[in-house]
Amino acid sequence: MLFENHGITIIPEASPWEDDTYWSICSSILFLIRESKTQDATLLTTAILNRADNFVTLDTPLIRSARQVLQDEYRLHLINPTEGLQVLRGVPSFSLER
């Protein structure tokens, strides 16, 4: 799913055969983020290739280890469900800049 214009859009999984940058993004996630697993890298790569702003997960260790890297390298905000609700609601006091 993709947050877009304060709504949610379902996106298809990215295919390594359809995008030349798929493997470079996926492998960089696996190597740069200690807590990432193959499934994490696949989902995060799909989000990045679809230019998602936010990626919501309950995986607290992944959020801790990957948040800054994903924000700096790909402009993807890794957030928990509570933060995701705040984004959807447009809470003005909530900032994703950390």
Protein backbone atom coordinates (compact mmCIF):
# COMPACT_ATOMS: atom_id res chain seq x y z
CA MET A 1 0.00 0.00 0.00
CA LEU A 2 1.12 3.50 -0.69
CA PHE A 3 0.13 6.63 1.24
CA GLU A 4 -0.77 9.28 -1.29
CA ASN A 5 -2.67 12.53 -0.90
CA HIS A 6 -3.70 11.55 2.65
CA GLY A 7 -5.07 8.23 1.36
CA ILE A 8 -3.88 4.69 0.76
CA THR A 9 -3.14 3.23 -2.67
CA ILE A 10 -2.36 -0.46 -3.23
CA ILE A 11 0.75 -0.92 -5.36
CA PRO A 12 1.99 -4.03 -7.14
CA GLU A 13 5.24 -5.65 -6.06
CA ALA A 14 8.19 -4.36 -8.09
CA SER A 15 9.83 -6.82 -10.44
CA PRO A 16 13.59 -7.11 -10.89
CA TRP A 17 12.96 -7.84 -14.57
CA GLU A 18 11.07 -4.59 -15.14
CA ASP A 19 13.40 -2.10 -13.47
CA ASP A 20 17.17 -1.92 -13.94
CA THR A 21 17.69 -0.39 -10.50
CA TYR A 22 15.81 -3.08 -8.56
CA TRP A 23 18.84 -5.20 -7.60
CA SER A 24 21.06 -2.25 -6.69
CA ILE A 25 18.40 -0.89 -4.31
CA CYS A 26 17.54 -4.31 -2.87
CA SER A 27 21.17 -5.29 -2.30
CA SER A 28 22.03 -1.94 -0.73
CA ILE A 29 19.19 -2.40 1.76
CA LEU A 30 20.42 -5.88 2.66
CA PHE A 31 24.01 -4.71 3.11
CA LEU A 32 23.44 -1.31 4.75
CA ILE A 33 20.68 -2.27 7.18
CA ARG A 34 21.74 -4.86 9.72
CA GLU A 35 18.20 -5.82 10.76
CA SER A 36 16.80 -6.27 7.26
CA LYS A 37 15.73 -9.62 5.89
CA THR A 38 15.11 -10.60 2.27
CA GLN A 39 11.36 -9.97 2.55
CA ASP A 40 12.01 -6.56 4.13
CA ALA A 41 14.36 -5.65 1.29
CA THR A 42 11.79 -6.75 -1.31
CA LEU A 43 8.99 -4.69 0.25
CA LEU A 44 11.19 -1.65 0.84
CA THR A 45 12.54 -1.82 -2.72
CA THR A 46 8.98 -1.86 -4.05
CA ALA A 47 8.13 1.18 -1.93
CA ILE A 48 11.23 3.04 -3.13
CA LEU A 49 10.64 2.23 -6.80
CA ASN A 50 7.04 3.43 -6.46
CA ARG A 51 8.31 6.65 -4.84
CA ALA A 52 6.45 6.09 -1.59
CA ASP A 53 6.88 8.74 1.08
CA ASN A 54 6.21 6.41 4.01
CA PHE A 55 6.52 2.72 4.83
CA VAL A 56 4.54 1.48 7.83
CA THR A 57 5.80 -1.49 9.84
CA LEU A 58 5.52 -3.00 13.30
CA ASP A 59 9.15 -4.17 13.13
CA THR A 60 10.69 -1.92 15.79
CA PRO A 61 14.28 -3.23 15.34
CA LEU A 62 14.01 -2.54 11.60
CA ILE A 63 12.67 0.96 12.24
CA ARG A 64 15.53 1.70 14.64
CA SER A 65 18.27 0.41 12.35
CA ALA A 66 16.89 1.53 8.98
CA ARG A 67 14.99 4.76 9.56
CA GLN A 68 17.83 7.19 9.00
CA VAL A 69 19.46 5.27 6.13
CA LEU A 70 16.20 5.01 4.19
CA GLN A 71 15.36 8.64 4.81
CA ASP A 72 18.82 9.86 3.74
CA GLU A 73 19.33 7.54 0.76
CA TYR A 74 15.80 7.17 -0.63
CA ARG A 75 13.61 9.82 1.06
CA LEU A 76 11.49 7.01 2.47
CA HIS A 77 10.15 7.46 5.99
CA LEU A 78 10.00 4.21 7.94
CA ILE A 79 7.24 4.63 10.50
CA ASN A 80 5.12 2.64 12.94
CA PRO A 81 1.30 2.38 12.63
CA THR A 82 0.65 5.18 15.13
CA GLU A 83 2.83 7.53 13.11
CA GLY A 84 1.09 6.33 9.95
CA LEU A 85 -2.31 7.28 11.35
CA GLN A 86 -0.98 10.70 12.25
CA VAL A 87 0.28 11.16 8.69
CA LEU A 88 -3.09 10.09 7.24
CA ARG A 89 -4.93 12.43 9.57
CA GLY A 90 -2.59 15.27 8.63
CA VAL A 91 -1.63 15.99 12.23
CA PRO A 92 0.27 19.30 11.91
CA SER A 93 2.40 18.77 15.00
CA PHE A 94 3.66 15.43 13.72
CA SER A 95 6.95 15.68 11.90
CA LEU A 96 8.69 12.86 10.06
CA GLU A 97 11.97 14.77 10.06
CA ARG A 98 14.14 13.20 12.72
